[in-house]
Protein backbone atom coordinates (compact mmCIF):
# COMPACT_ATOMS: atom_id res chain seq x y z
CA UNK A 1 -39.61 87.87 133.74
CA UNK A 2 -36.48 88.30 135.92
CA UNK A 3 -36.02 84.50 136.06
CA UNK A 4 -36.00 84.37 132.24
CA UNK A 5 -33.35 87.09 132.09
CA UNK A 6 -31.20 85.26 134.64
CA UNK A 7 -31.46 82.04 132.64
CA UNK A 8 -30.53 83.91 129.45
CA UNK A 9 -27.47 85.46 131.15
CA UNK A 10 -26.35 82.15 132.75
CA UNK A 11 -26.97 79.91 129.71
CA UNK A 12 -23.60 80.54 127.97
CA UNK A 13 -21.70 79.56 131.14
CA UNK A 14 -23.82 76.42 131.52
CA UNK A 15 -23.19 75.42 127.90
CA UNK A 16 -19.44 75.95 128.24
CA UNK A 17 -19.22 73.78 131.35
CA UNK A 18 -21.27 71.07 129.63
CA UNK A 19 -18.96 71.10 126.61
CA UNK A 20 -16.52 68.85 128.45
CA UNK A 21 -12.80 68.49 128.68
CA UNK A 22 -10.93 69.37 125.45
CA UNK A 23 -8.53 66.45 126.07
CA UNK A 24 -11.33 63.87 125.90
CA UNK A 25 -11.36 62.08 122.55
CA UNK A 26 -9.23 59.83 120.38
CA UNK A 27 -5.90 61.21 119.20
CA UNK A 28 -3.47 59.96 116.55
CA UNK A 29 0.18 60.96 116.26
CA UNK A 30 1.14 62.89 113.12
CA UNK A 31 4.69 61.51 112.89
CA UNK A 32 5.54 63.74 109.91
CA UNK A 33 4.70 66.98 111.71
CA UNK A 34 6.21 65.86 115.03
CA UNK A 35 9.82 66.86 115.73
CA UNK A 36 12.40 64.39 117.01
CA UNK A 37 16.15 64.98 116.98
CA UNK A 38 18.22 62.32 115.20
CA UNK A 39 19.26 59.57 117.59
CA UNK A 40 16.77 60.60 120.27
CA UNK A 41 13.56 58.85 121.38
CA UNK A 42 10.85 58.97 118.70
CA UNK A 43 7.55 57.34 117.86
CA UNK A 44 6.59 55.69 114.57
CA UNK A 45 2.91 55.69 115.50
CA UNK A 46 0.70 56.30 118.50
CA UNK A 47 -3.03 56.39 119.16
CA UNK A 48 -4.50 57.49 122.47
CA UNK A 49 -8.09 57.43 123.68
CA UNK A 50 -8.73 59.82 126.58
CA UNK A 51 -11.91 59.60 128.64
CA UNK A 52 -13.29 61.48 131.65
CA UNK A 53 -12.96 59.45 134.83
CA UNK A 54 -14.28 61.01 138.01
CA UNK A 55 -12.00 63.97 138.78
CA UNK A 56 -9.33 62.85 136.31
CA UNK A 57 -8.66 61.28 132.94
CA UNK A 58 -8.32 57.69 131.80
CA UNK A 59 -5.94 57.15 128.89
CA UNK A 60 -5.61 54.02 126.77
CA UNK A 61 -2.75 54.03 124.27
CA UNK A 62 -1.07 51.95 121.63
CA UNK A 63 2.30 53.00 120.24
CA UNK A 64 5.54 51.93 118.61
CA UNK A 65 8.79 53.77 119.19
CA UNK A 66 11.53 54.49 116.66
CA UNK A 67 13.09 51.08 117.38
CA UNK A 68 9.81 49.34 116.52
CA UNK A 69 9.10 48.42 120.16
CA UNK A 70 5.31 48.29 120.53
CA UNK A 71 3.38 48.97 123.70
CA UNK A 72 -0.26 49.00 124.77
CA UNK A 73 -1.06 50.57 128.10
CA UNK A 74 -3.61 52.40 130.19
CA UNK A 75 -3.60 54.74 133.17
CA UNK A 76 -6.25 56.51 135.20
CA UNK A 77 -4.94 59.69 136.88
CA UNK A 78 -6.38 62.52 138.87
CA UNK A 79 -5.36 65.97 137.61
CA UNK A 80 -3.67 67.08 140.84
CA UNK A 81 -0.11 65.88 140.11
CA UNK A 82 -0.39 62.63 142.09
CA UNK A 83 1.45 59.81 140.28
CA UNK A 84 -0.64 56.86 139.09
CA UNK A 85 0.54 53.46 137.89
CA UNK A 86 0.58 52.50 134.23
CA UNK A 87 -0.93 49.13 133.41
CA UNK A 88 0.70 47.60 130.34
CA UNK A 89 -0.41 44.56 128.32
CA UNK A 90 3.25 43.46 128.24
CA UNK A 91 6.13 45.01 130.21
CA UNK A 92 7.04 48.32 128.62
CA UNK A 93 10.56 48.66 127.26
CA UNK A 94 12.37 51.21 125.23
CA UNK A 95 13.99 54.53 125.98
CA UNK A 96 10.79 56.36 126.93
CA UNK A 97 9.10 53.47 128.80
CA UNK A 98 7.53 54.50 132.11
CA UNK A 99 5.74 52.69 134.93
CA UNK A 100 3.95 55.70 136.45
CA UNK A 101 2.75 59.12 135.32
CA UNK A 102 1.34 62.23 136.95
CA UNK A 103 -1.01 64.76 135.39
CA UNK A 104 -1.64 68.29 136.62
CA UNK A 105 -4.18 70.64 135.07
CA UNK A 106 -2.58 74.01 134.29
CA UNK A 107 -5.64 75.52 132.57
CA UNK A 108 -8.58 74.30 130.46
CA UNK A 109 -6.34 73.50 127.48
CA UNK A 110 -3.04 72.62 129.21
CA UNK A 111 -1.88 69.66 131.29
CA UNK A 112 1.61 69.15 132.72
CA UNK A 113 2.63 65.47 132.76
CA UNK A 114 5.61 63.70 134.29
CA UNK A 115 6.61 60.14 133.36
CA UNK A 116 8.50 57.98 135.89
CA UNK A 117 10.42 54.71 135.73
CA UNK A 118 11.48 53.19 139.05
CA UNK A 119 10.47 56.48 140.75
CA UNK A 120 12.90 58.51 138.61
CA UNK A 121 11.73 61.15 136.15
CA UNK A 122 12.03 59.99 132.53
CA UNK A 123 10.28 62.96 130.91
CA UNK A 124 8.21 66.08 131.57
CA UNK A 125 5.51 67.15 129.12
CA UNK A 126 3.42 70.20 128.48
CA UNK A 127 0.29 68.99 126.67
CA UNK A 128 -1.80 71.67 124.97
CA UNK A 129 -5.06 71.25 123.04
CA UNK A 130 -5.61 73.94 120.40
CA UNK A 131 -8.48 76.42 120.77
CA UNK A 132 -10.42 74.65 117.99
CA UNK A 133 -9.88 71.28 119.73
CA UNK A 134 -8.45 69.60 116.62
CA UNK A 135 -4.79 69.21 117.62
CA UNK A 136 -2.79 68.45 120.73
CA UNK A 137 0.88 69.39 120.97
CA UNK A 138 3.11 67.66 123.49
CA UNK A 139 6.39 69.42 124.25
CA UNK A 140 8.59 66.83 125.94
CA UNK A 141 11.87 67.21 127.81
CA UNK A 142 13.44 63.96 128.91
CA UNK A 143 16.51 61.96 129.69
CA UNK A 144 17.55 58.64 128.17
CA UNK A 145 18.67 55.76 130.44
CA UNK A 146 22.24 56.72 129.45
CA UNK A 147 21.74 60.22 130.86
CA UNK A 148 21.42 62.09 127.55
CA UNK A 149 18.92 64.98 127.64
CA UNK A 150 16.49 65.37 124.76
CA UNK A 151 13.56 67.53 123.64
CA UNK A 152 10.82 66.62 121.21
CA UNK A 153 7.46 67.91 120.04
CA UNK A 154 4.68 65.44 119.33
CA UNK A 155 1.67 66.59 117.32
CA UNK A 156 -1.55 64.62 117.59
CA UNK A 157 -4.73 65.05 115.56
CA UNK A 158 -8.19 64.40 116.96
CA UNK A 159 -9.79 61.55 115.05
CA UNK A 160 -12.93 61.32 117.25
């Protein structure tokens, strides 16, 4: 009887841990609800598939920036802040193009990300998945190649 009680008490914790990472899924940018300052880096569209990969996350993305520059890329990062290389189908260009990224888990629903180009920081993100798991907000602070600081908020909707 005591074993049944223990299982009953532990079951909610087991179910929560089996639920998985809230970042895992396929996300699509809602360009209308995202906020970009005029003249600063923006995206026309973006879709990102995030999968569990060992102790980290694998991301595969397709996007076009406000200049119409398209990019397809993937990266597989641990969640400890160690930079990992971005593998792009064609060399990435544009204001927010990066060649490496780091991810660091802050809590279950928050990841801090830093994008690098030639070992220099291009942007820093705070990525937060909502409690219901339907939206991800990315608050980005960055610097253009010309040295102009910018801030933007990207809103992504889970499509799978």
